[in-house]
């Protein structure tokens, strides 16, 4: 949702639409540009700008789902496709990460009360299993609320980050004055909820790999020499055991350069 590379294409689309009188566009191309620009203005731009806000992530994702639901009235095809795609990326309204919303100042006290009730509705068994992929309920997305995604498993969010839970027993309108809430809020507000760092790391290592040589054989020889001079273990040393390790392509095994 936050990828700047896709947004650059959106900006080019806006420029083409603004100066469409200077281009030779077919009716199909012009209609396609119009549909894309409307989708960005009505739905995508707001979600893109707000994508990096940690404690607001569950609420914003839910608002995006609802916005896509209303966009069906304007362009059912784009709305359905976008909603189907987003349905595979709803981790921030999962049973655990929806806990971020307890620290969202834009979530009403009424909603937070309902979230606490949903949290206490089922007994927390303490079992730490992998979170399940979120599936949208069959009812209309306009009827969805944050408390619909909260369960006893939401406590995993607090336990894993060592957050204070005592404030949950207080009225939501007094949470801001509680020291435990303030400490926990500081922690969650510093969480990174987008993968910009990972994308930059991948781009950096790809650029580094490409700067060495374009020839695979030369690259393999260079990597073997570099591994020897740096004293890095070979596959068998790095993975001791009864089974022989499989040697992957050098491009997939070379570590990123040291920051020092």
Protein backbone atom coordinates (compact mmCIF):
# COMPACT_ATOMS: atom_id res chain seq x y z
CA UNK A 1 0.00 0.00 0.00
CA UNK A 2 2.92 2.33 0.66
CA UNK A 3 5.16 1.46 -2.31
CA UNK A 4 6.52 4.66 -3.83
CA UNK A 5 7.33 2.95 -7.11
CA UNK A 6 3.65 2.31 -7.78
CA UNK A 7 2.77 5.83 -6.66
CA UNK A 8 5.15 7.26 -9.26
CA UNK A 9 3.08 5.52 -11.95
CA UNK A 10 -0.02 7.05 -10.42
CA UNK A 11 1.48 10.53 -10.68
CA UNK A 12 2.34 9.94 -14.33
CA UNK A 13 -1.25 8.84 -14.88
CA UNK A 14 -2.50 12.11 -13.37
CA UNK A 15 -0.20 14.12 -15.64
CA UNK A 16 -1.39 12.25 -18.71
CA UNK A 17 -5.01 12.84 -17.68
CA UNK A 18 -4.42 16.55 -17.07
CA UNK A 19 -2.78 17.00 -20.49
CA UNK A 20 -4.81 14.37 -22.31
CA UNK A 21 -5.67 16.93 -24.98
CA UNK A 22 -2.02 16.81 -26.09
CA UNK A 23 -1.98 13.01 -26.44
CA UNK A 24 -3.58 10.73 -28.95
CA UNK A 25 -5.53 8.52 -26.59
CA UNK A 26 -8.13 6.00 -27.61
CA UNK A 27 -11.51 6.06 -25.88
CA UNK A 28 -10.51 2.89 -23.99
CA UNK A 29 -7.22 4.42 -22.78
CA UNK A 30 -8.90 7.64 -21.70
CA UNK A 31 -11.61 5.75 -19.83
CA UNK A 32 -8.97 3.58 -18.14
CA UNK A 33 -7.04 6.66 -17.00
CA UNK A 34 -10.21 8.23 -15.63
CA UNK A 35 -11.06 5.09 -13.64
CA UNK A 36 -7.53 4.88 -12.21
CA UNK A 37 -7.46 8.55 -11.19
CA UNK A 38 -10.86 8.33 -9.53
CA UNK A 39 -9.77 5.26 -7.56
CA UNK A 40 -6.61 7.00 -6.36
CA UNK A 41 -8.38 10.22 -5.37
CA UNK A 42 -11.29 8.53 -3.61
CA UNK A 43 -9.49 5.58 -1.98
CA UNK A 44 -5.80 4.97 -2.53
CA UNK A 45 -4.10 8.35 -1.86
CA UNK A 46 -5.33 8.65 1.73
CA UNK A 47 -4.37 5.05 2.52
CA UNK A 48 -0.92 5.54 0.98
CA UNK A 49 -0.18 8.70 2.98
CA UNK A 50 -1.26 7.12 6.27
CA UNK A 51 0.32 3.68 5.73
CA UNK A 52 3.24 4.24 8.13
CA UNK A 53 1.14 5.15 11.20
CA UNK A 54 1.59 2.20 13.57
CA UNK A 55 -1.19 2.48 16.16
CA UNK A 56 -3.66 3.58 13.49
CA UNK A 57 -2.93 0.66 11.16
CA UNK A 58 -5.90 -1.57 12.12
CA UNK A 59 -8.40 1.29 12.01
CA UNK A 60 -7.04 2.62 8.72
CA UNK A 61 -7.11 -0.83 7.15
CA UNK A 62 -10.72 -1.23 8.22
CA UNK A 63 -11.57 2.21 6.85
CA UNK A 64 -9.89 1.23 3.58
CA UNK A 65 -11.98 -1.93 3.39
CA UNK A 66 -15.14 0.12 3.86
CA UNK A 67 -14.00 2.69 1.29
CA UNK A 68 -13.51 -0.08 -1.24
CA UNK A 69 -16.98 -1.31 -0.43
CA UNK A 70 -18.50 2.08 -1.26
CA UNK A 71 -16.33 2.40 -4.38
CA UNK A 72 -18.30 -0.50 -5.83
CA UNK A 73 -21.10 1.98 -6.53
CA UNK A 74 -18.76 4.00 -8.77
CA UNK A 75 -16.67 1.26 -10.35
CA UNK A 76 -17.70 -2.26 -9.27
CA UNK A 77 -14.89 -3.95 -11.23
CA UNK A 78 -12.03 -2.00 -9.63
CA UNK A 79 -13.69 -2.09 -6.22
CA UNK A 80 -14.09 -5.87 -6.29
CA UNK A 81 -10.55 -6.50 -7.56
CA UNK A 82 -8.96 -4.15 -5.03
CA UNK A 83 -11.01 -5.61 -2.16
CA UNK A 84 -10.08 -9.14 -3.21
CA UNK A 85 -6.40 -8.20 -3.32
CA UNK A 86 -6.49 -6.39 0.02
CA UNK A 87 -8.20 -9.36 1.64
CA UNK A 88 -4.86 -11.18 1.45
CA UNK A 89 -3.10 -8.42 3.40
CA UNK A 90 -5.24 -7.86 6.47
CA UNK A 91 -2.66 -8.73 9.11
CA UNK A 92 -3.23 -5.51 11.04
CA UNK A 93 -6.80 -6.51 11.84
CA UNK A 94 -5.69 -9.99 12.88
CA UNK A 95 -6.53 -11.18 16.39
CA UNK A 96 -3.12 -10.12 17.69
CA UNK A 97 -2.18 -6.95 15.83
CA UNK A 98 -5.62 -5.41 16.21
CA UNK A 99 -4.33 -4.72 19.72
CA UNK A 100 -2.59 -1.65 18.27
CA UNK A 101 -5.99 0.05 18.25
CA UNK A 102 -6.09 0.15 22.05
CA UNK A 103 -3.47 2.92 21.72
CA UNK A 104 -5.15 4.79 18.85
CA UNK A 105 -6.44 8.13 20.14
CA UNK A 106 -8.85 8.36 17.18
CA UNK A 107 -10.71 5.23 18.29
CA UNK A 108 -13.69 6.23 20.43
CA UNK A 109 -14.04 5.24 24.08
CA UNK A 110 -17.21 3.37 23.15
CA UNK A 111 -15.30 1.24 20.64
CA UNK A 112 -12.47 0.63 23.11
CA UNK A 113 -15.00 -0.52 25.70
CA UNK A 114 -16.40 -2.97 23.16
CA UNK A 115 -12.85 -4.15 22.36
CA UNK A 116 -12.11 -4.82 26.04
CA UNK A 117 -15.39 -6.74 26.31
CA UNK A 118 -14.44 -8.85 23.28
CA UNK A 119 -10.99 -9.39 24.80
CA UNK A 120 -12.50 -10.72 28.05
CA UNK A 121 -15.25 -12.70 26.34
CA UNK A 122 -13.14 -15.83 25.97
CA UNK A 123 -10.54 -17.16 28.37
CA UNK A 124 -6.92 -16.64 27.34
CA UNK A 125 -5.24 -20.05 27.20
CA UNK A 126 -1.70 -18.68 26.78
CA UNK A 127 -1.00 -20.94 23.80
CA UNK A 128 1.23 -19.13 21.31
CA UNK A 129 0.29 -20.40 17.87
CA UNK A 130 0.85 -18.74 14.52
CA UNK A 131 -1.80 -16.10 13.79
CA UNK A 132 -4.38 -17.11 11.23
CA UNK A 133 -4.96 -15.24 8.00
CA UNK A 134 -7.87 -12.85 8.40
CA UNK A 135 -10.97 -13.60 6.37
CA UNK A 136 -13.71 -11.04 5.94
CA UNK A 137 -17.07 -11.98 7.47
CA UNK A 138 -19.90 -12.69 5.11
CA UNK A 139 -21.84 -9.67 6.32
CA UNK A 140 -21.40 -6.32 4.62
CA UNK A 141 -18.02 -4.69 5.17
CA UNK A 142 -19.85 -1.54 6.20
CA UNK A 143 -21.03 -3.38 9.32
CA UNK A 144 -17.52 -4.34 10.44
CA UNK A 145 -16.05 -2.82 13.61
CA UNK A 146 -12.67 -3.16 15.31
CA UNK A 147 -14.15 -5.18 18.16
CA UNK A 148 -15.21 -7.82 15.62
CA UNK A 149 -11.53 -8.76 15.23
CA UNK A 150 -10.61 -8.79 18.94
CA UNK A 151 -10.46 -12.06 20.90
CA UNK A 152 -8.62 -13.58 23.83
CA UNK A 153 -5.65 -14.12 21.52
CA UNK A 154 -5.20 -10.35 21.34
CA UNK A 155 -3.42 -10.61 24.68
CA UNK A 156 -0.51 -12.22 22.78
CA UNK A 157 0.16 -8.74 21.42
CA UNK A 158 0.63 -7.38 24.94
CA UNK A 159 2.67 -10.35 26.16
CA UNK A 160 5.06 -10.46 23.21
CA UNK A 161 5.89 -6.75 23.49
CA UNK A 162 5.88 -6.83 27.31
CA UNK A 163 3.18 -4.16 27.44
CA UNK A 164 1.28 -3.17 30.54
CA UNK A 165 -2.21 -4.72 30.69
CA UNK A 166 -3.47 -3.16 33.92
CA UNK A 167 -4.95 -0.12 32.17
CA UNK A 168 -7.46 -2.42 30.44
CA UNK A 169 -9.32 -2.63 33.74
CA UNK A 170 -9.76 1.16 33.78
CA UNK A 171 -12.33 3.26 31.87
CA UNK A 172 -10.90 4.12 28.40
CA UNK A 173 -11.30 7.85 29.01
CA UNK A 174 -8.70 7.60 31.82
CA UNK A 175 -6.10 5.55 29.92
CA UNK A 176 -4.13 8.60 28.83
CA UNK A 177 -3.41 9.44 32.47
CA UNK A 178 -2.15 5.95 33.36
CA UNK A 179 1.64 5.55 33.49
CA UNK A 180 1.52 1.95 32.28
CA UNK A 181 -0.52 2.99 29.26
CA UNK A 182 1.87 5.85 28.52
CA UNK A 183 4.92 3.54 28.57
CA UNK A 184 3.21 0.95 26.39
CA UNK A 185 1.96 3.63 23.99
CA UNK A 186 5.51 4.90 23.51
CA UNK A 187 6.63 1.40 22.55
CA UNK A 188 3.92 0.67 20.00
CA UNK A 189 4.12 4.12 18.41
CA UNK A 190 7.74 3.40 17.48
CA UNK A 191 6.90 0.16 15.70
CA UNK A 192 7.54 0.00 11.96
CA UNK A 193 4.42 -1.23 10.17
CA UNK A 194 5.68 -0.99 6.59
CA UNK A 195 8.48 -2.97 4.96
CA UNK A 196 10.42 -0.02 3.53
CA UNK A 197 13.59 -1.15 5.30
CA UNK A 198 13.34 -4.65 3.85
CA UNK A 199 12.71 -3.31 0.35
CA UNK A 200 15.68 -0.97 0.60
CA UNK A 201 17.84 -3.85 1.85
CA UNK A 202 16.85 -6.01 -1.11
CA UNK A 203 17.52 -3.16 -3.53
CA UNK A 204 20.91 -2.52 -1.90
CA UNK A 205 22.10 -6.12 -2.17
CA UNK A 206 20.83 -6.37 -5.76
CA UNK A 207 22.77 -3.23 -6.66
CA UNK A 208 25.83 -4.58 -4.84
CA UNK A 209 25.61 -7.92 -6.66
CA UNK A 210 25.25 -6.19 -10.02
CA UNK A 211 28.23 -3.92 -9.39
CA UNK A 212 30.62 -6.86 -9.02
CA UNK A 213 30.18 -8.50 -12.39
CA UNK A 214 27.47 -9.44 -14.85
CA UNK A 215 29.07 -12.82 -15.61
CA UNK A 216 27.82 -15.68 -13.41
CA UNK A 217 31.09 -17.63 -13.53
CA UNK A 218 33.16 -14.58 -12.61
CA UNK A 219 30.72 -13.73 -9.84
CA UNK A 220 30.97 -17.26 -8.43
CA UNK A 221 34.77 -17.10 -8.43
CA UNK A 222 34.74 -13.67 -6.79
CA UNK A 223 32.40 -14.88 -4.11
CA UNK A 224 34.55 -17.94 -3.34
CA UNK A 225 37.62 -15.70 -3.05
CA UNK A 226 35.77 -13.22 -0.83
CA UNK A 227 34.48 -16.01 1.41
CA UNK A 228 38.01 -17.39 1.80
CA UNK A 229 39.62 -14.03 2.61
CA UNK A 230 36.89 -13.15 5.11
CA UNK A 231 37.12 -16.56 6.78
CA UNK A 232 33.44 -17.32 6.23
CA UNK A 233 32.37 -20.93 6.79
CA UNK A 234 31.41 -23.11 3.88
CA UNK A 235 27.98 -24.75 3.65
CA UNK A 236 29.07 -27.90 5.56
CA UNK A 237 30.65 -25.83 8.34
CA UNK A 238 27.79 -23.41 8.64
CA UNK A 239 25.21 -26.21 8.82
CA UNK A 240 26.85 -29.17 10.66
CA UNK A 241 24.82 -32.33 10.74
CA UNK A 242 24.29 -35.69 9.13
CA UNK A 243 22.88 -34.22 5.92
CA UNK A 244 24.92 -32.48 3.25
CA UNK A 245 23.87 -28.86 2.85
CA UNK A 246 22.61 -27.72 -0.54
CA UNK A 247 24.69 -24.92 -2.01
CA UNK A 248 22.49 -22.13 -3.27
CA UNK A 249 23.34 -19.60 -5.94
CA UNK A 250 25.95 -17.07 -4.71
CA UNK A 251 23.57 -14.25 -5.46
CA UNK A 252 21.14 -15.64 -2.92
CA UNK A 253 23.69 -16.38 -0.20
CA UNK A 254 25.95 -13.32 -0.15
CA UNK A 255 25.28 -11.22 2.98
CA UNK A 256 24.77 -7.44 2.83
CA UNK A 257 27.88 -5.27 3.29
CA UNK A 258 28.76 -4.16 6.82
CA UNK A 259 27.50 -0.74 7.83
CA UNK A 260 30.96 0.03 9.25
